[in-house]
N, C-alpha and C. Protein backbone atom coordinates (compact mmCIF):
# COMPACT_ATOMS: atom_id res chain seq x y z
N MET A 1 -52.91 -106.43 5.82
CA MET A 1 -51.67 -106.75 5.20
C MET A 1 -50.98 -105.47 4.72
N PRO A 2 -49.62 -105.33 4.97
CA PRO A 2 -48.92 -104.12 4.51
C PRO A 2 -48.77 -104.14 2.98
N PRO A 3 -48.74 -102.96 2.36
CA PRO A 3 -48.60 -102.93 0.90
C PRO A 3 -47.21 -103.44 0.49
N LEU A 4 -47.18 -104.06 -0.67
CA LEU A 4 -45.91 -104.59 -1.17
C LEU A 4 -45.08 -103.45 -1.77
N LEU A 5 -43.83 -103.42 -1.41
CA LEU A 5 -42.92 -102.39 -1.93
C LEU A 5 -42.04 -103.01 -3.01
N ALA A 6 -41.76 -102.20 -4.02
CA ALA A 6 -40.88 -102.69 -5.08
C ALA A 6 -39.46 -102.74 -4.55
N PRO A 7 -38.67 -103.70 -5.00
CA PRO A 7 -37.28 -103.77 -4.53
C PRO A 7 -36.50 -102.55 -5.04
N PRO A 8 -35.52 -102.10 -4.28
CA PRO A 8 -34.76 -100.93 -4.71
C PRO A 8 -34.06 -101.20 -6.05
N ALA A 9 -34.01 -100.17 -6.88
CA ALA A 9 -33.38 -100.32 -8.19
C ALA A 9 -31.87 -100.43 -8.00
N SER A 10 -31.28 -101.41 -8.65
CA SER A 10 -29.83 -101.58 -8.54
C SER A 10 -29.17 -100.75 -9.65
N PRO A 11 -28.00 -100.22 -9.39
CA PRO A 11 -27.31 -99.44 -10.42
C PRO A 11 -26.93 -100.34 -11.59
N ALA A 12 -26.83 -99.73 -12.75
CA ALA A 12 -26.47 -100.50 -13.94
C ALA A 12 -25.06 -101.07 -13.76
N TRP A 13 -24.92 -102.31 -14.14
CA TRP A 13 -23.61 -102.93 -14.02
C TRP A 13 -23.18 -103.47 -15.35
N PRO A 14 -22.04 -103.29 -15.82
CA PRO A 14 -20.96 -102.47 -15.27
C PRO A 14 -21.31 -101.00 -15.37
N PRO A 15 -20.70 -100.16 -14.54
CA PRO A 15 -21.03 -98.75 -14.58
C PRO A 15 -20.69 -98.15 -15.94
N LEU A 16 -21.52 -97.24 -16.40
CA LEU A 16 -21.30 -96.60 -17.69
C LEU A 16 -20.13 -95.62 -17.57
N PRO A 17 -19.28 -95.55 -18.59
CA PRO A 17 -18.16 -94.60 -18.52
C PRO A 17 -18.68 -93.17 -18.52
N ARG A 18 -18.06 -92.37 -17.71
CA ARG A 18 -18.50 -90.99 -17.60
C ARG A 18 -17.45 -90.06 -18.20
N SER A 19 -17.90 -89.08 -18.94
CA SER A 19 -17.00 -88.13 -19.58
C SER A 19 -16.40 -87.21 -18.51
N PRO A 20 -15.10 -86.91 -18.62
CA PRO A 20 -14.49 -85.99 -17.65
C PRO A 20 -14.90 -84.54 -17.88
N TYR A 21 -15.52 -84.25 -19.03
CA TYR A 21 -15.92 -82.89 -19.33
C TYR A 21 -17.21 -82.54 -18.59
N GLY A 22 -17.26 -81.35 -18.10
CA GLY A 22 -18.46 -80.89 -17.43
C GLY A 22 -18.51 -81.22 -15.95
N LEU A 23 -17.45 -81.78 -15.41
CA LEU A 23 -17.44 -82.09 -13.98
C LEU A 23 -17.11 -80.87 -13.14
N GLU A 24 -16.34 -79.95 -13.71
CA GLU A 24 -15.99 -78.72 -13.00
C GLU A 24 -17.13 -77.71 -13.16
N PRO A 25 -17.29 -76.83 -12.20
CA PRO A 25 -18.31 -75.78 -12.36
C PRO A 25 -17.89 -74.84 -13.49
N PRO A 26 -18.84 -74.19 -14.14
CA PRO A 26 -18.48 -73.28 -15.24
C PRO A 26 -17.64 -72.11 -14.75
N LEU A 27 -16.76 -71.61 -15.62
CA LEU A 27 -15.90 -70.48 -15.27
C LEU A 27 -16.68 -69.19 -15.31
N LYS A 28 -16.28 -68.28 -14.44
CA LYS A 28 -16.89 -66.95 -14.45
C LYS A 28 -16.09 -66.08 -15.40
N GLY A 29 -16.77 -65.26 -16.16
CA GLY A 29 -16.11 -64.42 -17.14
C GLY A 29 -15.13 -63.44 -16.54
N GLU A 30 -15.38 -62.98 -15.32
CA GLU A 30 -14.49 -62.01 -14.69
C GLU A 30 -13.17 -62.65 -14.29
N GLU A 31 -13.13 -63.97 -14.13
CA GLU A 31 -11.93 -64.65 -13.65
C GLU A 31 -11.04 -65.13 -14.80
N VAL A 32 -11.49 -65.00 -16.01
CA VAL A 32 -10.74 -65.52 -17.15
C VAL A 32 -10.22 -64.36 -17.99
N ALA A 33 -8.92 -64.32 -18.18
CA ALA A 33 -8.32 -63.30 -19.02
C ALA A 33 -8.19 -63.84 -20.44
N LEU A 34 -8.73 -63.10 -21.39
CA LEU A 34 -8.63 -63.52 -22.77
C LEU A 34 -7.27 -63.10 -23.33
N VAL A 35 -6.63 -64.01 -24.00
CA VAL A 35 -5.34 -63.72 -24.63
C VAL A 35 -5.49 -63.98 -26.11
N ARG A 36 -5.26 -62.96 -26.89
CA ARG A 36 -5.31 -63.11 -28.35
C ARG A 36 -3.88 -63.39 -28.80
N LEU A 37 -3.60 -64.67 -29.10
CA LEU A 37 -2.25 -65.08 -29.41
C LEU A 37 -1.71 -64.39 -30.65
N TYR A 38 -2.58 -64.10 -31.62
CA TYR A 38 -2.10 -63.42 -32.81
C TYR A 38 -1.63 -62.01 -32.47
N LEU A 39 -2.24 -61.38 -31.49
CA LEU A 39 -1.83 -60.04 -31.09
C LEU A 39 -0.52 -60.09 -30.31
N VAL A 40 -0.35 -61.08 -29.47
CA VAL A 40 0.90 -61.24 -28.73
C VAL A 40 2.06 -61.46 -29.71
N ALA A 41 1.85 -62.31 -30.72
CA ALA A 41 2.89 -62.58 -31.71
C ALA A 41 3.21 -61.31 -32.51
N PHE A 42 2.20 -60.55 -32.87
CA PHE A 42 2.42 -59.32 -33.63
C PHE A 42 3.24 -58.33 -32.82
N GLU A 43 2.91 -58.17 -31.53
CA GLU A 43 3.65 -57.23 -30.68
C GLU A 43 5.09 -57.67 -30.51
N GLU A 44 5.32 -58.96 -30.40
CA GLU A 44 6.69 -59.47 -30.27
C GLU A 44 7.48 -59.20 -31.55
N ARG A 45 6.87 -59.39 -32.71
CA ARG A 45 7.55 -59.09 -33.98
C ARG A 45 7.88 -57.60 -34.07
N GLN A 46 6.97 -56.75 -33.62
CA GLN A 46 7.23 -55.30 -33.63
C GLN A 46 8.43 -54.95 -32.75
N ARG A 47 8.51 -55.53 -31.55
CA ARG A 47 9.63 -55.26 -30.65
C ARG A 47 10.95 -55.71 -31.28
N LYS A 48 10.95 -56.89 -31.90
CA LYS A 48 12.17 -57.38 -32.55
C LYS A 48 12.58 -56.47 -33.71
N ARG A 49 11.60 -56.02 -34.48
CA ARG A 49 11.88 -55.14 -35.61
C ARG A 49 12.50 -53.83 -35.12
N GLU A 50 11.96 -53.27 -34.02
CA GLU A 50 12.49 -52.02 -33.48
C GLU A 50 13.92 -52.21 -32.97
N ARG A 51 14.19 -53.34 -32.30
CA ARG A 51 15.55 -53.59 -31.81
C ARG A 51 16.53 -53.72 -32.97
N ARG A 52 16.12 -54.43 -34.03
CA ARG A 52 17.00 -54.57 -35.19
C ARG A 52 17.29 -53.21 -35.82
N LEU A 53 16.28 -52.36 -35.93
CA LEU A 53 16.46 -51.05 -36.53
C LEU A 53 17.44 -50.20 -35.72
N VAL A 54 17.36 -50.28 -34.41
CA VAL A 54 18.28 -49.54 -33.55
C VAL A 54 19.70 -50.03 -33.79
N LEU A 55 19.88 -51.36 -33.89
CA LEU A 55 21.22 -51.90 -34.10
C LEU A 55 21.78 -51.51 -35.48
N VAL A 56 20.94 -51.50 -36.48
CA VAL A 56 21.38 -51.10 -37.82
C VAL A 56 21.80 -49.64 -37.81
N ARG A 57 21.03 -48.81 -37.16
CA ARG A 57 21.39 -47.39 -37.09
C ARG A 57 22.70 -47.20 -36.35
N ALA A 58 22.93 -48.00 -35.33
CA ALA A 58 24.19 -47.89 -34.58
C ALA A 58 25.36 -48.31 -35.46
N ASP A 59 25.18 -49.32 -36.31
CA ASP A 59 26.24 -49.76 -37.22
C ASP A 59 26.63 -48.66 -38.20
N PHE A 60 25.66 -47.85 -38.61
CA PHE A 60 25.93 -46.79 -39.57
C PHE A 60 26.35 -45.48 -38.89
N GLY A 61 26.47 -45.49 -37.57
CA GLY A 61 26.95 -44.32 -36.85
C GLY A 61 25.90 -43.25 -36.64
N ILE A 62 24.64 -43.59 -36.74
CA ILE A 62 23.59 -42.61 -36.50
C ILE A 62 23.48 -42.39 -34.99
N ASP A 63 23.36 -41.14 -34.59
CA ASP A 63 23.30 -40.79 -33.17
C ASP A 63 22.10 -41.45 -32.51
N LEU A 64 22.36 -42.40 -31.62
CA LEU A 64 21.28 -43.15 -30.98
C LEU A 64 20.46 -42.28 -30.04
N ASP A 65 21.08 -41.28 -29.41
CA ASP A 65 20.32 -40.43 -28.49
C ASP A 65 19.22 -39.67 -29.23
N GLN A 66 19.46 -39.36 -30.48
CA GLN A 66 18.49 -38.61 -31.26
C GLN A 66 17.47 -39.51 -31.96
N HIS A 67 17.88 -40.73 -32.29
CA HIS A 67 17.07 -41.53 -33.20
C HIS A 67 16.53 -42.84 -32.64
N VAL A 68 16.75 -43.14 -31.39
CA VAL A 68 16.20 -44.38 -30.83
C VAL A 68 14.69 -44.28 -30.85
N ILE A 69 14.05 -45.33 -31.30
CA ILE A 69 12.59 -45.33 -31.46
C ILE A 69 11.93 -45.05 -30.11
N GLY A 70 11.13 -44.05 -30.06
CA GLY A 70 10.37 -43.72 -28.87
C GLY A 70 11.16 -42.99 -27.80
N ALA A 71 12.46 -42.73 -28.03
CA ALA A 71 13.25 -42.07 -26.99
C ALA A 71 12.93 -40.59 -26.88
N ARG A 72 12.71 -39.94 -28.03
CA ARG A 72 12.41 -38.52 -28.00
C ARG A 72 11.36 -38.25 -29.05
N ARG A 73 10.29 -37.65 -28.67
CA ARG A 73 9.20 -37.34 -29.59
C ARG A 73 9.36 -35.94 -30.15
N ALA A 74 9.09 -35.78 -31.41
CA ALA A 74 9.15 -34.45 -32.03
C ALA A 74 7.99 -33.61 -31.50
N ALA A 75 8.28 -32.36 -31.22
CA ALA A 75 7.25 -31.49 -30.65
C ALA A 75 6.33 -30.96 -31.73
């Protein structure tokens, strides 16, 4: 007589909900650029501050060729 085999296991019904997290493969560190939002905001504020200062100096008649921020460095 052949040995008795157990019936195949049926999947649980109804199917259990599966989380969408973890379905993608993990990211590689070399492919992800880190962005520090606080640093981006700080740099943007600095640029705005420099532009305002240039405009204020222009209103007062200060020579922009001599005094624009970063235009000419003192030796």
